[in-house]
N, C-alpha and C. Protein backbone atom coordinates (compact mmCIF):
# COMPACT_ATOMS: atom_id res chain seq x y z
N MET A 1 49.47 -14.06 9.20
CA MET A 1 49.18 -14.80 8.00
C MET A 1 47.73 -15.32 8.00
N VAL A 2 47.28 -15.78 9.16
CA VAL A 2 45.92 -16.29 9.28
C VAL A 2 44.91 -15.16 9.02
N GLU A 3 45.22 -13.96 9.51
CA GLU A 3 44.31 -12.83 9.29
C GLU A 3 44.20 -12.49 7.80
N ILE A 4 45.29 -12.57 7.08
CA ILE A 4 45.26 -12.29 5.65
C ILE A 4 44.43 -13.34 4.92
N ILE A 5 44.57 -14.59 5.29
CA ILE A 5 43.79 -15.66 4.66
C ILE A 5 42.31 -15.48 4.94
N VAL A 6 41.97 -15.12 6.18
CA VAL A 6 40.57 -14.89 6.54
C VAL A 6 40.02 -13.69 5.76
N ALA A 7 40.79 -12.61 5.66
CA ALA A 7 40.35 -11.42 4.93
C ALA A 7 40.13 -11.74 3.45
N VAL A 8 41.05 -12.49 2.85
CA VAL A 8 40.90 -12.88 1.44
C VAL A 8 39.68 -13.77 1.27
N PHE A 9 39.45 -14.68 2.21
CA PHE A 9 38.28 -15.57 2.14
C PHE A 9 36.98 -14.76 2.21
N VAL A 10 36.90 -13.79 3.13
CA VAL A 10 35.70 -12.97 3.28
C VAL A 10 35.46 -12.16 2.01
N ILE A 11 36.50 -11.55 1.45
CA ILE A 11 36.36 -10.78 0.21
C ILE A 11 35.91 -11.68 -0.93
N ALA A 12 36.48 -12.88 -1.03
CA ALA A 12 36.09 -13.82 -2.08
C ALA A 12 34.64 -14.26 -1.90
N LEU A 13 34.22 -14.47 -0.67
CA LEU A 13 32.84 -14.88 -0.39
C LEU A 13 31.84 -13.79 -0.81
N PHE A 14 32.09 -12.55 -0.41
CA PHE A 14 31.20 -11.45 -0.80
C PHE A 14 31.21 -11.23 -2.30
N SER A 15 32.36 -11.36 -2.92
CA SER A 15 32.44 -11.20 -4.38
C SER A 15 31.62 -12.26 -5.10
N SER A 16 31.69 -13.49 -4.64
CA SER A 16 30.92 -14.57 -5.29
C SER A 16 29.42 -14.37 -5.10
N ILE A 17 29.01 -13.84 -3.96
CA ILE A 17 27.59 -13.56 -3.73
C ILE A 17 27.11 -12.48 -4.69
N ILE A 18 27.89 -11.43 -4.84
CA ILE A 18 27.52 -10.33 -5.73
C ILE A 18 27.50 -10.80 -7.18
N ILE A 19 28.50 -11.55 -7.59
CA ILE A 19 28.56 -12.02 -8.98
C ILE A 19 27.40 -12.98 -9.26
N ALA A 20 27.05 -13.83 -8.32
CA ALA A 20 25.96 -14.78 -8.52
C ALA A 20 24.62 -14.06 -8.64
N ASN A 21 24.46 -12.93 -7.98
CA ASN A 21 23.20 -12.20 -7.99
C ASN A 21 23.16 -11.09 -9.05
N PHE A 22 24.23 -10.92 -9.80
CA PHE A 22 24.31 -9.82 -10.77
C PHE A 22 23.24 -9.88 -11.85
N PRO A 23 22.92 -11.01 -12.48
CA PRO A 23 21.87 -11.02 -13.50
C PRO A 23 20.50 -10.55 -12.98
N ALA A 24 20.15 -10.95 -11.77
CA ALA A 24 18.88 -10.51 -11.19
C ALA A 24 18.89 -9.01 -10.92
N MET A 25 20.02 -8.50 -10.43
CA MET A 25 20.14 -7.07 -10.18
C MET A 25 20.07 -6.29 -11.49
N GLU A 26 20.68 -6.82 -12.53
CA GLU A 26 20.67 -6.15 -13.83
C GLU A 26 19.25 -6.09 -14.41
N LYS A 27 18.47 -7.16 -14.26
CA LYS A 27 17.09 -7.17 -14.74
C LYS A 27 16.23 -6.16 -13.98
N ARG A 28 16.40 -6.09 -12.67
CA ARG A 28 15.64 -5.12 -11.88
C ARG A 28 16.02 -3.69 -12.25
N PHE A 29 17.29 -3.48 -12.54
CA PHE A 29 17.73 -2.15 -12.95
C PHE A 29 17.13 -1.80 -14.32
N SER A 30 17.02 -2.78 -15.22
CA SER A 30 16.41 -2.51 -16.52
C SER A 30 14.93 -2.14 -16.37
N LEU A 31 14.25 -2.75 -15.42
CA LEU A 31 12.86 -2.41 -15.14
C LEU A 31 12.75 -0.96 -14.65
N THR A 32 13.67 -0.55 -13.82
CA THR A 32 13.69 0.84 -13.35
C THR A 32 13.96 1.80 -14.50
N ARG A 33 14.86 1.44 -15.42
CA ARG A 33 15.14 2.29 -16.58
C ARG A 33 13.90 2.46 -17.46
N VAL A 34 13.15 1.37 -17.67
CA VAL A 34 11.92 1.45 -18.47
C VAL A 34 10.91 2.39 -17.80
N ALA A 35 10.76 2.29 -16.48
CA ALA A 35 9.83 3.15 -15.76
C ALA A 35 10.24 4.62 -15.89
N TYR A 36 11.52 4.90 -15.74
CA TYR A 36 11.97 6.29 -15.86
C TYR A 36 11.85 6.80 -17.29
N ASN A 37 12.10 5.95 -18.28
CA ASN A 37 11.93 6.37 -19.68
C ASN A 37 10.47 6.69 -20.00
N LEU A 38 9.55 5.86 -19.53
CA LEU A 38 8.12 6.12 -19.75
C LEU A 38 7.69 7.41 -19.06
N ALA A 39 8.14 7.60 -17.82
CA ALA A 39 7.80 8.83 -17.10
C ALA A 39 8.39 10.05 -17.83
N GLN A 40 9.60 9.91 -18.36
CA GLN A 40 10.21 11.02 -19.08
C GLN A 40 9.46 11.32 -20.37
N ASP A 41 9.00 10.28 -21.08
CA ASP A 41 8.21 10.51 -22.29
C ASP A 41 6.89 11.20 -21.97
N LEU A 42 6.27 10.84 -20.85
CA LEU A 42 5.05 11.54 -20.42
C LEU A 42 5.34 13.00 -20.10
N ARG A 43 6.46 13.26 -19.44
CA ARG A 43 6.82 14.64 -19.11
C ARG A 43 7.17 15.44 -20.36
N THR A 44 7.81 14.79 -21.33
CA THR A 44 8.13 15.47 -22.60
C THR A 44 6.84 15.84 -23.33
N ALA A 45 5.89 14.91 -23.40
CA ALA A 45 4.60 15.21 -24.03
C ALA A 45 3.89 16.33 -23.29
N GLU A 46 3.98 16.32 -21.97
CA GLU A 46 3.37 17.38 -21.17
C GLU A 46 4.01 18.72 -21.50
N GLY A 47 5.31 18.77 -21.56
CA GLY A 47 6.00 20.02 -21.89
C GLY A 47 5.65 20.52 -23.28
N MET A 48 5.59 19.61 -24.25
CA MET A 48 5.23 20.00 -25.62
C MET A 48 3.79 20.47 -25.68
N GLY A 49 2.91 19.78 -24.96
CA GLY A 49 1.49 20.14 -24.97
C GLY A 49 1.22 21.48 -24.33
N LEU A 50 1.91 21.76 -23.25
CA LEU A 50 1.66 23.01 -22.55
C LEU A 50 2.32 24.21 -23.23
N SER A 51 3.36 23.94 -24.03
CA SER A 51 4.02 25.05 -24.72
C SER A 51 3.43 25.31 -26.10
N GLY A 52 2.65 24.38 -26.61
CA GLY A 52 2.05 24.55 -27.93
C GLY A 52 3.07 24.41 -29.06
N THR A 53 4.05 23.53 -28.88
CA THR A 53 5.10 23.31 -29.87
C THR A 53 4.51 22.88 -31.21
N GLU A 54 5.03 23.45 -32.30
CA GLU A 54 4.64 23.01 -33.64
C GLU A 54 5.55 21.85 -34.05
N ILE A 55 5.00 20.94 -34.85
CA ILE A 55 5.81 19.84 -35.36
C ILE A 55 5.91 19.95 -36.87
N GLU A 56 6.87 19.24 -37.40
CA GLU A 56 7.08 19.25 -38.84
C GLU A 56 6.70 17.88 -39.38
N ASN A 57 5.86 17.87 -40.43
CA ASN A 57 5.49 16.58 -41.02
C ASN A 57 6.59 16.13 -41.98
N SER A 58 6.41 14.97 -42.56
CA SER A 58 7.46 14.40 -43.41
C SER A 58 7.66 15.16 -44.72
N LEU A 59 6.75 16.06 -45.05
CA LEU A 59 6.91 16.89 -46.25
C LEU A 59 7.58 18.22 -45.93
N GLY A 60 7.87 18.46 -44.66
CA GLY A 60 8.52 19.70 -44.27
C GLY A 60 7.55 20.80 -43.85
N GLY A 61 6.26 20.54 -43.89
CA GLY A 61 5.27 21.53 -43.49
C GLY A 61 5.10 21.56 -41.98
N LYS A 62 4.73 22.72 -41.45
CA LYS A 62 4.49 22.89 -40.02
C LYS A 62 3.04 22.56 -39.69
N ILE A 63 2.87 21.83 -38.61
CA ILE A 63 1.54 21.47 -38.13
C ILE A 63 1.42 21.96 -36.70
N LYS A 64 0.38 22.71 -36.42
CA LYS A 64 0.13 23.16 -35.06
C LYS A 64 -0.80 22.15 -34.40
N ALA A 65 -0.22 21.34 -33.55
CA ALA A 65 -1.01 20.33 -32.84
C ALA A 65 -1.82 21.00 -31.73
N LYS A 66 -2.93 20.40 -31.41
CA LYS A 66 -3.80 20.92 -30.35
C LYS A 66 -3.47 20.27 -29.01
N GLY A 67 -2.49 19.38 -29.01
CA GLY A 67 -2.05 18.72 -27.80
C GLY A 67 -1.07 17.61 -28.12
N TYR A 68 -0.48 17.05 -27.09
CA TYR A 68 0.48 15.95 -27.24
C TYR A 68 0.20 14.93 -26.16
N GLY A 69 0.57 13.69 -26.43
CA GLY A 69 0.30 12.68 -25.42
C GLY A 69 1.04 11.39 -25.63
N VAL A 70 0.71 10.44 -24.78
CA VAL A 70 1.27 9.08 -24.83
C VAL A 70 0.10 8.11 -24.87
N TYR A 71 0.18 7.15 -25.79
CA TYR A 71 -0.88 6.17 -26.01
C TYR A 71 -0.31 4.77 -25.77
N ILE A 72 -0.99 4.01 -24.92
CA ILE A 72 -0.59 2.63 -24.61
C ILE A 72 -1.79 1.74 -24.88
N ASP A 73 -1.57 0.68 -25.67
CA ASP A 73 -2.65 -0.25 -26.01
C ASP A 73 -2.16 -1.68 -25.82
N LEU A 74 -2.72 -2.36 -24.83
CA LEU A 74 -2.37 -3.76 -24.55
C LEU A 74 -3.43 -4.72 -25.07
N THR A 75 -4.41 -4.21 -25.80
CA THR A 75 -5.55 -5.00 -26.26
C THR A 75 -5.13 -6.21 -27.06
N TYR A 76 -4.18 -6.05 -27.95
CA TYR A 76 -3.79 -7.14 -28.85
C TYR A 76 -2.56 -7.89 -28.37
N GLY A 77 -2.23 -7.75 -27.11
CA GLY A 77 -1.15 -8.53 -26.52
C GLY A 77 0.24 -7.95 -26.72
N ASP A 78 0.36 -6.75 -27.26
CA ASP A 78 1.68 -6.15 -27.43
C ASP A 78 2.01 -5.34 -26.18
N HIS A 79 2.73 -5.94 -25.27
CA HIS A 79 3.07 -5.31 -24.00
C HIS A 79 4.45 -4.66 -24.03
N LYS A 80 4.98 -4.46 -25.22
CA LYS A 80 6.34 -3.94 -25.34
C LYS A 80 6.41 -2.58 -26.02
N LYS A 81 5.27 -1.98 -26.42
CA LYS A 81 5.31 -0.74 -27.18
C LYS A 81 4.32 0.29 -26.65
N TYR A 82 4.69 1.55 -26.84
CA TYR A 82 3.77 2.67 -26.64
C TYR A 82 4.17 3.78 -27.59
N LYS A 83 3.27 4.75 -27.78
CA LYS A 83 3.49 5.81 -28.76
C LYS A 83 3.37 7.19 -28.12
N MET A 84 4.27 8.08 -28.52
CA MET A 84 4.10 9.51 -28.26
C MET A 84 3.47 10.09 -29.51
N TYR A 85 2.48 10.94 -29.37
CA TYR A 85 1.76 11.43 -30.54
C TYR A 85 1.44 12.92 -30.41
N ALA A 86 1.14 13.51 -31.55
CA ALA A 86 0.65 14.88 -31.61
C ALA A 86 -0.84 14.81 -31.90
N ASP A 87 -1.64 15.42 -31.05
CA ASP A 87 -3.10 15.44 -31.21
C ASP A 87 -3.46 16.57 -32.17
N VAL A 88 -3.47 16.26 -33.45
CA VAL A 88 -3.71 17.27 -34.48
C VAL A 88 -5.20 17.56 -34.63
N ASP A 89 -6.04 16.52 -34.50
CA ASP A 89 -7.47 16.73 -34.72
C ASP A 89 -8.20 17.32 -33.51
N GLY A 90 -7.53 17.43 -32.36
CA GLY A 90 -8.10 18.10 -31.20
C GLY A 90 -9.12 17.33 -30.41
N ASP A 91 -9.18 16.00 -30.58
CA ASP A 91 -10.17 15.22 -29.84
C ASP A 91 -9.67 14.77 -28.46
N GLU A 92 -8.46 15.20 -28.08
CA GLU A 92 -7.86 14.92 -26.78
C GLU A 92 -7.63 13.45 -26.52
N LYS A 93 -7.42 12.69 -27.58
CA LYS A 93 -7.03 11.28 -27.46
C LYS A 93 -6.36 10.88 -28.76
N TYR A 94 -5.72 9.72 -28.75
CA TYR A 94 -5.01 9.24 -29.93
C TYR A 94 -6.00 8.66 -30.93
N SER A 95 -5.94 9.13 -32.16
CA SER A 95 -6.72 8.58 -33.27
C SER A 95 -5.73 8.05 -34.28
N LEU A 96 -5.98 6.87 -34.80
CA LEU A 96 -5.02 6.26 -35.71
C LEU A 96 -4.71 7.18 -36.88
N PRO A 97 -3.42 7.43 -37.12
CA PRO A 97 -3.06 8.28 -38.25
C PRO A 97 -3.26 7.55 -39.57
N SER A 98 -3.58 8.30 -40.62
CA SER A 98 -3.77 7.70 -41.93
C SER A 98 -2.45 7.42 -42.62
N ASP A 99 -1.49 8.30 -42.47
CA ASP A 99 -0.17 8.09 -43.06
C ASP A 99 0.85 8.96 -42.35
N VAL A 100 2.07 8.92 -42.83
CA VAL A 100 3.16 9.64 -42.17
C VAL A 100 3.07 11.14 -42.37
N TYR A 101 2.19 11.63 -43.23
CA TYR A 101 2.08 13.05 -43.49
C TYR A 101 1.13 13.73 -42.51
N CYS A 102 0.50 13.00 -41.62
CA CYS A 102 -0.48 13.54 -40.68
C CYS A 102 -1.66 14.15 -41.40
N GLN A 103 -2.01 13.56 -42.51
CA GLN A 103 -3.12 14.07 -43.31
C GLN A 103 -3.75 12.87 -44.01
N ASP A 104 -5.06 12.78 -43.97
CA ASP A 104 -5.70 11.65 -44.64
C ASP A 104 -5.98 11.98 -46.11
N MET A 105 -6.60 11.07 -46.81
CA MET A 105 -6.81 11.23 -48.25
C MET A 105 -7.71 12.42 -48.60
N THR A 106 -8.54 12.85 -47.69
CA THR A 106 -9.42 13.97 -47.97
C THR A 106 -8.78 15.32 -47.63
N GLY A 107 -7.55 15.29 -47.10
CA GLY A 107 -6.87 16.52 -46.74
C GLY A 107 -7.06 16.92 -45.29
N LEU A 108 -7.87 16.15 -44.55
CA LEU A 108 -8.05 16.44 -43.13
C LEU A 108 -6.83 15.99 -42.36
N GLN A 109 -6.45 16.78 -41.38
CA GLN A 109 -5.29 16.41 -40.59
C GLN A 109 -5.67 15.35 -39.57
N THR A 110 -4.78 14.39 -39.37
CA THR A 110 -4.98 13.33 -38.40
C THR A 110 -3.82 13.35 -37.41
N ASP A 111 -3.96 12.63 -36.32
CA ASP A 111 -2.91 12.59 -35.31
C ASP A 111 -1.62 12.01 -35.89
N CYS A 112 -0.49 12.52 -35.38
CA CYS A 112 0.83 12.11 -35.86
C CYS A 112 1.57 11.34 -34.77
N ILE A 113 2.25 10.32 -35.15
CA ILE A 113 3.12 9.61 -34.22
C ILE A 113 4.46 10.33 -34.21
N ILE A 114 4.85 10.82 -33.06
CA ILE A 114 6.13 11.48 -32.91
C ILE A 114 7.22 10.45 -32.69
N LYS A 115 6.91 9.48 -31.86
CA LYS A 115 7.90 8.46 -31.53
C LYS A 115 7.17 7.19 -31.10
N GLU A 116 7.56 6.06 -31.66
CA GLU A 116 7.04 4.78 -31.20
C GLU A 116 8.15 4.10 -30.42
N VAL A 117 7.88 3.82 -29.16
CA VAL A 117 8.89 3.25 -28.28
C VAL A 117 8.69 1.74 -28.19
N ASP A 118 9.74 1.02 -28.49
CA ASP A 118 9.75 -0.44 -28.36
C ASP A 118 10.66 -0.78 -27.19
N ILE A 119 10.07 -1.14 -26.08
CA ILE A 119 10.81 -1.46 -24.86
C ILE A 119 11.79 -2.60 -25.12
N ASN A 120 11.43 -3.52 -25.98
CA ASN A 120 12.24 -4.70 -26.25
C ASN A 120 13.61 -4.36 -26.84
N GLN A 121 13.73 -3.23 -27.53
CA GLN A 121 15.01 -2.88 -28.13
C GLN A 121 16.07 -2.61 -27.09
N ASP A 122 15.74 -1.83 -26.06
CA ASP A 122 16.73 -1.47 -25.06
C ASP A 122 16.70 -2.35 -23.82
N GLU A 123 15.53 -2.78 -23.44
CA GLU A 123 15.36 -3.56 -22.21
C GLU A 123 14.52 -4.81 -22.49
N PRO A 124 15.13 -5.87 -23.00
CA PRO A 124 14.36 -7.04 -23.43
C PRO A 124 13.69 -7.83 -22.30
N HIS A 125 14.02 -7.55 -21.06
CA HIS A 125 13.46 -8.32 -19.95
C HIS A 125 12.21 -7.68 -19.35
N ALA A 126 11.86 -6.47 -19.77
CA ALA A 126 10.75 -5.74 -19.16
C ALA A 126 9.60 -5.55 -20.14
N SER A 127 8.40 -5.37 -19.60
CA SER A 127 7.22 -5.12 -20.42
C SER A 127 6.16 -4.41 -19.58
N ILE A 128 5.12 -3.93 -20.27
CA ILE A 128 3.99 -3.29 -19.59
C ILE A 128 3.04 -4.40 -19.18
N LYS A 129 2.84 -4.55 -17.89
CA LYS A 129 2.01 -5.64 -17.37
C LYS A 129 0.53 -5.31 -17.47
N GLU A 130 0.14 -4.11 -17.02
CA GLU A 130 -1.27 -3.73 -17.03
C GLU A 130 -1.42 -2.23 -16.85
N ILE A 131 -2.61 -1.75 -17.13
CA ILE A 131 -2.95 -0.35 -16.90
C ILE A 131 -4.13 -0.36 -15.93
N LYS A 132 -3.93 0.17 -14.76
CA LYS A 132 -4.98 0.19 -13.74
C LYS A 132 -5.82 1.46 -13.86
N ASN A 133 -7.07 1.36 -13.43
CA ASN A 133 -8.04 2.46 -13.41
C ASN A 133 -8.53 2.83 -14.81
N THR A 134 -8.57 1.87 -15.72
CA THR A 134 -9.12 2.12 -17.05
C THR A 134 -10.29 1.18 -17.29
N ASN A 135 -11.06 1.49 -18.33
CA ASN A 135 -12.21 0.65 -18.68
C ASN A 135 -11.81 -0.58 -19.48
N SER A 136 -10.66 -0.57 -20.11
CA SER A 136 -10.18 -1.74 -20.85
C SER A 136 -8.65 -1.72 -20.85
N GLN A 137 -8.04 -2.30 -21.83
CA GLN A 137 -6.59 -2.46 -21.85
C GLN A 137 -5.85 -1.38 -22.64
N TRP A 138 -6.41 -0.20 -22.75
CA TRP A 138 -5.69 0.89 -23.40
C TRP A 138 -5.94 2.18 -22.63
N ALA A 139 -5.01 3.10 -22.78
CA ALA A 139 -5.16 4.41 -22.16
C ALA A 139 -4.38 5.43 -22.96
N CYS A 140 -4.79 6.66 -22.81
CA CYS A 140 -4.18 7.75 -23.55
C CYS A 140 -4.11 8.95 -22.62
N VAL A 141 -2.91 9.47 -22.38
CA VAL A 141 -2.73 10.66 -21.55
C VAL A 141 -2.41 11.80 -22.49
N ASN A 142 -3.28 12.82 -22.51
CA ASN A 142 -3.18 13.93 -23.47
C ASN A 142 -3.02 15.26 -22.72
N PHE A 143 -2.07 16.07 -23.19
CA PHE A 143 -1.80 17.37 -22.60
C PHE A 143 -2.10 18.44 -23.64
N SER A 144 -2.97 19.42 -23.30
CA SER A 144 -3.39 20.44 -24.25
C SER A 144 -3.11 21.84 -23.72
N PRO A 145 -2.66 22.76 -24.60
CA PRO A 145 -2.48 24.15 -24.20
C PRO A 145 -3.81 24.90 -24.29
N PRO A 146 -3.96 26.13 -23.93
CA PRO A 146 -2.95 26.99 -23.35
C PRO A 146 -2.87 26.85 -21.84
N SER A 147 -4.00 26.65 -21.17
CA SER A 147 -3.93 26.38 -19.74
C SER A 147 -3.68 24.90 -19.59
N PRO A 148 -2.98 24.49 -18.57
CA PRO A 148 -2.66 23.07 -18.44
C PRO A 148 -3.92 22.20 -18.35
N LYS A 149 -4.26 21.56 -19.44
CA LYS A 149 -5.41 20.67 -19.46
C LYS A 149 -4.90 19.25 -19.71
N VAL A 150 -5.23 18.35 -18.81
CA VAL A 150 -4.81 16.96 -18.93
C VAL A 150 -6.05 16.10 -19.07
N ASN A 151 -6.09 15.31 -20.13
CA ASN A 151 -7.21 14.40 -20.35
C ASN A 151 -6.66 12.98 -20.42
N ILE A 152 -7.27 12.09 -19.67
CA ILE A 152 -6.89 10.68 -19.75
C ILE A 152 -8.07 9.94 -20.34
N ALA A 153 -7.91 9.54 -21.60
CA ALA A 153 -8.98 8.82 -22.29
C ALA A 153 -9.08 7.40 -21.75
N ASN A 154 -10.29 6.93 -21.60
CA ASN A 154 -10.60 5.57 -21.17
C ASN A 154 -10.40 5.35 -19.66
N ILE A 155 -10.37 6.43 -18.89
CA ILE A 155 -10.21 6.29 -17.44
C ILE A 155 -11.55 5.85 -16.83
N SER A 156 -11.49 5.05 -15.80
CA SER A 156 -12.70 4.58 -15.13
C SER A 156 -13.41 5.73 -14.43
N VAL A 157 -14.73 5.64 -14.32
CA VAL A 157 -15.54 6.67 -13.67
C VAL A 157 -15.11 6.81 -12.21
N GLY A 158 -14.94 8.04 -11.80
CA GLY A 158 -14.57 8.31 -10.42
C GLY A 158 -13.07 8.32 -10.16
N GLN A 159 -12.28 7.98 -11.13
CA GLN A 159 -10.82 7.96 -10.97
C GLN A 159 -10.22 9.27 -11.46
N THR A 160 -9.10 9.66 -10.87
CA THR A 160 -8.42 10.89 -11.29
C THR A 160 -7.07 10.60 -11.93
N GLY A 161 -6.70 9.34 -12.03
CA GLY A 161 -5.41 9.00 -12.62
C GLY A 161 -5.33 7.53 -12.97
N ILE A 162 -4.27 7.20 -13.72
CA ILE A 162 -4.03 5.81 -14.08
C ILE A 162 -2.68 5.37 -13.54
N GLU A 163 -2.52 4.07 -13.44
CA GLU A 163 -1.26 3.49 -13.01
C GLU A 163 -0.82 2.50 -14.08
N ILE A 164 0.34 2.74 -14.66
CA ILE A 164 0.89 1.87 -15.68
C ILE A 164 1.90 0.98 -14.98
N VAL A 165 1.59 -0.31 -14.89
CA VAL A 165 2.43 -1.25 -14.15
C VAL A 165 3.37 -1.95 -15.12
N LEU A 166 4.65 -1.86 -14.82
CA LEU A 166 5.70 -2.51 -15.60
C LEU A 166 6.23 -3.69 -14.81
N SER A 167 6.61 -4.77 -15.50
CA SER A 167 7.14 -5.93 -14.80
C SER A 167 8.22 -6.60 -15.62
N LEU A 168 8.93 -7.51 -14.97
CA LEU A 168 9.91 -8.34 -15.67
C LEU A 168 9.17 -9.50 -16.32
N ASP A 169 9.63 -9.92 -17.49
CA ASP A 169 8.96 -11.01 -18.21
C ASP A 169 9.02 -12.33 -17.45
N ASP A 170 10.13 -12.58 -16.78
CA ASP A 170 10.28 -13.87 -16.09
C ASP A 170 9.98 -13.80 -14.60
N ASP A 171 9.61 -12.60 -14.10
CA ASP A 171 9.27 -12.44 -12.69
C ASP A 171 8.24 -11.33 -12.56
N GLU A 172 6.97 -11.67 -12.69
CA GLU A 172 5.91 -10.66 -12.68
C GLU A 172 5.69 -10.05 -11.30
N ALA A 173 6.32 -10.62 -10.27
CA ALA A 173 6.22 -10.03 -8.94
C ALA A 173 7.10 -8.79 -8.83
N ALA A 174 8.14 -8.71 -9.65
CA ALA A 174 9.01 -7.53 -9.67
C ALA A 174 8.36 -6.48 -10.56
N THR A 175 7.87 -5.41 -9.95
CA THR A 175 7.15 -4.38 -10.70
C THR A 175 7.64 -2.99 -10.34
N ARG A 176 7.41 -2.07 -11.26
CA ARG A 176 7.55 -0.63 -11.04
C ARG A 176 6.31 -0.02 -11.69
N SER A 177 5.82 1.07 -11.15
CA SER A 177 4.63 1.71 -11.70
C SER A 177 4.89 3.18 -12.00
N VAL A 178 4.25 3.63 -13.07
CA VAL A 178 4.26 5.04 -13.43
C VAL A 178 2.82 5.53 -13.28
N LEU A 179 2.64 6.56 -12.47
CA LEU A 179 1.30 7.11 -12.23
C LEU A 179 1.18 8.45 -12.94
N ALA A 180 0.03 8.67 -13.56
CA ALA A 180 -0.27 9.95 -14.20
C ALA A 180 -1.71 10.31 -13.82
N ASN A 181 -1.91 11.56 -13.40
CA ASN A 181 -3.26 11.95 -13.03
C ASN A 181 -3.71 13.17 -13.82
N THR A 182 -4.97 13.51 -13.68
CA THR A 182 -5.56 14.61 -14.45
C THR A 182 -5.08 15.98 -14.00
N GLY A 183 -4.34 16.03 -12.91
CA GLY A 183 -3.74 17.28 -12.46
C GLY A 183 -2.38 17.53 -13.10
N GLY A 184 -1.87 16.54 -13.87
CA GLY A 184 -0.59 16.67 -14.54
C GLY A 184 0.58 16.08 -13.77
N LEU A 185 0.31 15.48 -12.62
CA LEU A 185 1.37 14.88 -11.83
C LEU A 185 1.78 13.54 -12.42
N ILE A 186 3.06 13.35 -12.61
CA ILE A 186 3.61 12.09 -13.11
C ILE A 186 4.65 11.63 -12.11
N GLU A 187 4.46 10.43 -11.59
CA GLU A 187 5.41 9.92 -10.60
C GLU A 187 5.67 8.44 -10.80
N ILE A 188 6.77 8.00 -10.22
CA ILE A 188 7.18 6.59 -10.29
C ILE A 188 7.13 6.01 -8.90
N LYS A 189 6.58 4.80 -8.81
CA LYS A 189 6.61 4.13 -7.50
C LYS A 189 7.03 2.68 -7.69
């Protein structure tokens, strides 16, 4: 009987420890999900860029983009969003689109937003903390066909890649990073 009471006590003790720590574990797991989603969006843009995929504008017309990429801008304090885009104008970086048709008023094609990701919708506890190895608070990773060409706009001189650091809003010491380099390697650390 004593052994059963001791066993029940030990199980109850471990269960209470796990339950008490569950919110912190859940927040750390959400940070990992954000890092994997960002890395997957970079890989998707890379695949689209290297295959030369055509996109369809909102009028149903086909647009042959000259590349695809991911654009992150922390300049104005929005640490919860990034954009996947089609590089229609061929400048190997994100240029603000004029409208949803990927065409400005003069008929010139402009870059198109394929997807705007709001981290806050799925993972409200995580955000983009900083972008390392850049000249300021924005970066753009662009993938262009036909040979694998990777351009990282705004990268610091002498650097071959950037590190996008993600953190929890209430614990900035808890971080995950997504690394992208000019060789096309995308990894999570």
